[in-house]
Amino acid sequence: MRRESAADHAQTLLGMSAHPASPFESVYLSGVHLMMQASRDEVRAAYAAAGCAKSDDYRMPDDHVSLELDFMAVLSSRATQALRALATNGAGAELPDGTSAEQAAQDSLNAQLSFVDDHLARWIPQFCEALERQATTDLYRGAAQMLDRLVEQDALMLHALSADDGQGAPDQEE
């Protein structure tokens, strides 16, 4: 199993086949299937706007799927911290850095919603389709299915949460 998974990883994600599933947003959104295009710069700007940056030790471009998902996790963690402060201390609660917990939660949720709409939801379905099509093991086919569903559900949840702000939730298909 381990050997098959390693071979599948090399073929599907590392370019060791004729049609790998590229884990970079710019490949799907550039129109020319190239890395290091405008999407990478837009993602980098979103990270910077949220006070985040990729570690220099990580050698992948900023629009790699792992970095984009990690960014969403950071934003989610920030929202959780702020919401816990509100639940514990009530309206007017502040975070340890002195910022309003309510504003921090709203800012984090808004950043997540923008990022999922502007980035993840625009390319992850294509990536997952390519990964599932190219994969030879259940591990990577299953990972593709789970990631596709995660991004879809995350977008729906974020839109539902933002509905209270008058933005409304998108139409849901059954």
Protein backbone atom coordinates (compact mmCIF):
# COMPACT_ATOMS: atom_id res chain seq x y z
CA MET A 1 0.00 0.00 0.00
CA ARG A 2 2.75 2.45 0.92
CA ARG A 3 4.67 1.83 -2.30
CA GLU A 4 1.53 2.19 -4.42
CA SER A 5 0.61 5.44 -2.66
CA ALA A 6 4.11 6.85 -3.17
CA ALA A 7 4.03 5.94 -6.86
CA ASP A 8 0.55 7.45 -7.20
CA HIS A 9 1.75 10.65 -5.52
CA ALA A 10 4.69 10.94 -7.90
CA GLN A 11 2.53 10.32 -10.96
CA THR A 12 -0.46 12.45 -10.06
CA LEU A 13 1.05 15.40 -8.19
CA LEU A 14 4.76 15.60 -8.95
CA GLY A 15 4.55 15.63 -12.72
CA MET A 16 5.81 12.10 -13.31
CA SER A 17 3.05 11.46 -15.83
CA ALA A 18 1.77 13.02 -19.03
CA HIS A 19 -1.19 14.71 -17.31
CA PRO A 20 -0.49 15.40 -13.63
CA ALA A 21 -3.03 17.09 -11.37
CA SER A 22 -1.25 20.35 -10.67
CA PRO A 23 -1.70 21.55 -7.06
CA PHE A 24 -1.28 25.23 -8.05
CA GLU A 25 -4.19 27.64 -8.50
CA SER A 26 -2.52 29.62 -11.30
CA VAL A 27 -2.40 26.54 -13.53
CA TYR A 28 -6.21 26.34 -13.52
CA LEU A 29 -7.01 30.05 -13.66
CA SER A 30 -4.29 31.46 -15.91
CA GLY A 31 -5.92 30.31 -19.14
CA VAL A 32 -2.53 29.06 -20.32
CA HIS A 33 -1.96 26.31 -17.71
CA LEU A 34 1.19 27.90 -16.33
CA MET A 35 2.43 28.36 -12.78
CA MET A 36 3.46 31.65 -11.20
CA GLN A 37 0.72 33.69 -12.89
CA ALA A 38 -1.57 36.42 -11.51
CA SER A 39 -3.38 34.03 -9.15
CA ARG A 40 -0.19 33.49 -7.19
CA ASP A 41 0.21 37.24 -6.72
CA GLU A 42 -3.44 37.65 -5.71
CA VAL A 43 -3.12 34.88 -3.13
CA ARG A 44 0.05 36.46 -1.77
CA ALA A 45 -1.81 39.78 -1.44
CA ALA A 46 -4.66 38.07 0.45
CA TYR A 47 -2.14 36.52 2.84
CA ALA A 48 -0.48 39.91 3.40
CA ALA A 49 -3.83 41.66 3.97
CA ALA A 50 -4.49 39.18 6.78
CA GLY A 51 -1.01 39.62 8.23
CA CYS A 52 0.20 36.24 7.00
CA ALA A 53 3.15 35.23 4.86
CA LYS A 54 4.57 31.98 3.58
CA SER A 55 7.66 30.77 5.39
CA ASP A 56 10.85 31.18 3.36
CA ASP A 57 11.59 27.54 4.21
CA TYR A 58 8.58 26.42 2.17
CA ARG A 59 9.77 26.38 -1.43
CA MET A 60 6.41 26.06 -3.18
CA PRO A 61 4.67 29.05 -4.81
CA ASP A 62 2.07 30.82 -2.69
CA ASP A 63 -0.86 29.36 -4.65
CA HIS A 64 -0.08 25.73 -3.72
CA VAL A 65 -3.14 23.93 -2.39
CA SER A 66 -1.49 23.22 0.97
CA LEU A 67 -0.75 26.90 1.59
CA GLU A 68 -4.22 28.01 0.59
CA LEU A 69 -5.81 25.47 2.93
CA ASP A 70 -3.41 26.42 5.71
CA PHE A 71 -4.39 30.07 5.25
CA MET A 72 -8.06 29.14 5.66
CA ALA A 73 -7.15 27.21 8.81
CA VAL A 74 -5.36 30.27 10.23
CA LEU A 75 -8.39 32.47 9.52
CA SER A 76 -10.71 29.88 11.04
CA SER A 77 -8.56 29.66 14.15
CA ARG A 78 -8.66 33.44 14.49
CA ALA A 79 -12.45 33.44 14.20
CA THR A 80 -12.70 30.66 16.78
CA GLN A 81 -10.49 32.55 19.22
CA ALA A 82 -12.56 35.70 18.80
CA LEU A 83 -15.88 33.89 19.14
CA ARG A 84 -14.67 32.12 22.30
CA ALA A 85 -13.73 35.49 23.78
CA LEU A 86 -17.23 36.77 22.97
CA ALA A 87 -18.87 33.69 24.47
CA THR A 88 -16.77 33.98 27.63
CA ASN A 89 -16.75 37.74 28.12
CA GLY A 90 -19.82 38.93 26.22
CA ALA A 91 -20.26 42.00 24.04
CA GLY A 92 -17.32 44.35 24.18
CA ALA A 93 -14.85 41.51 24.68
CA GLU A 94 -11.31 42.15 23.55
CA LEU A 95 -8.57 39.81 22.40
CA PRO A 96 -5.19 39.76 24.17
CA ASP A 97 -3.84 42.28 21.63
CA GLY A 98 -6.64 44.73 22.53
CA THR A 99 -8.72 44.36 19.37
CA SER A 100 -12.45 43.95 19.53
CA ALA A 101 -13.35 40.25 19.54
CA GLU A 102 -16.50 40.96 17.57
CA GLN A 103 -14.60 42.86 14.89
CA ALA A 104 -11.85 40.22 14.76
CA ALA A 105 -14.42 37.45 14.27
CA GLN A 106 -16.20 39.41 11.53
CA ASP A 107 -12.94 40.29 9.78
CA SER A 108 -11.81 36.68 9.83
CA LEU A 109 -15.11 35.37 8.51
CA ASN A 110 -15.13 38.02 5.77
CA ALA A 111 -11.57 37.13 4.78
CA GLN A 112 -12.49 33.44 4.64
CA LEU A 113 -15.56 34.14 2.52
CA SER A 114 -13.60 36.31 0.10
CA PHE A 115 -10.80 33.76 -0.16
CA VAL A 116 -13.06 30.80 -0.77
CA ASP A 117 -15.07 32.72 -3.39
CA ASP A 118 -12.13 34.39 -5.11
CA HIS A 119 -9.76 31.44 -4.98
CA LEU A 120 -10.63 27.99 -3.63
CA ALA A 121 -14.10 27.60 -5.15
CA ARG A 122 -12.77 28.73 -8.53
CA TRP A 123 -10.09 26.07 -8.94
CA ILE A 124 -10.35 23.29 -6.37
CA PRO A 125 -13.19 21.48 -8.22
CA GLN A 126 -11.01 21.29 -11.35
CA PHE A 127 -7.99 20.17 -9.34
CA CYS A 128 -10.00 17.49 -7.55
CA GLU A 129 -11.47 16.26 -10.83
CA ALA A 130 -7.98 15.98 -12.33
CA LEU A 131 -6.62 14.29 -9.20
CA GLU A 132 -9.46 11.80 -9.07
CA ARG A 133 -9.13 11.07 -12.79
CA GLN A 134 -5.34 10.57 -12.65
CA ALA A 135 -5.07 8.76 -9.32
CA THR A 136 -4.58 5.01 -9.29
CA THR A 137 -5.14 4.50 -5.56
CA ASP A 138 -8.20 4.93 -3.40
CA LEU A 139 -6.12 7.17 -1.11
CA TYR A 140 -5.78 9.96 -3.66
CA ARG A 141 -9.19 9.46 -5.24
CA GLY A 142 -10.75 9.67 -1.78
CA ALA A 143 -8.65 12.71 -0.84
CA ALA A 144 -9.84 14.44 -4.01
CA GLN A 145 -13.48 13.72 -3.20
CA MET A 146 -13.10 14.89 0.40
CA LEU A 147 -11.30 18.11 -0.55
CA ASP A 148 -13.89 18.96 -3.19
CA ARG A 149 -16.71 18.43 -0.69
CA LEU A 150 -14.87 20.34 2.06
CA VAL A 151 -14.46 23.45 -0.08
CA GLU A 152 -18.06 23.24 -1.25
CA GLN A 153 -19.41 22.90 2.30
CA ASP A 154 -17.08 25.58 3.65
CA ALA A 155 -18.34 28.03 1.03
CA LEU A 156 -21.96 27.22 1.89
CA MET A 157 -21.32 27.65 5.61
CA LEU A 158 -19.48 30.95 5.15
CA HIS A 159 -22.25 32.30 2.94
CA ALA A 160 -24.83 31.25 5.53
CA LEU A 161 -22.87 32.99 8.28
CA SER A 162 -22.57 36.14 6.19
CA ALA A 163 -26.33 36.16 5.52
CA ASP A 164 -26.77 38.04 8.79
CA ASP A 165 -24.79 40.89 7.23
CA GLY A 166 -27.26 41.26 4.39
CA GLN A 167 -25.10 39.46 1.82
CA GLY A 168 -27.36 36.43 1.75
CA ALA A 169 -26.59 32.81 1.13
CA PRO A 170 -26.24 31.46 -2.40
CA ASP A 171 -28.85 29.18 -3.92
CA GLN A 172 -28.21 25.61 -2.81
CA GLU A 173 -28.60 22.68 -5.13
CA GLU A 174 -29.73 19.35 -3.80
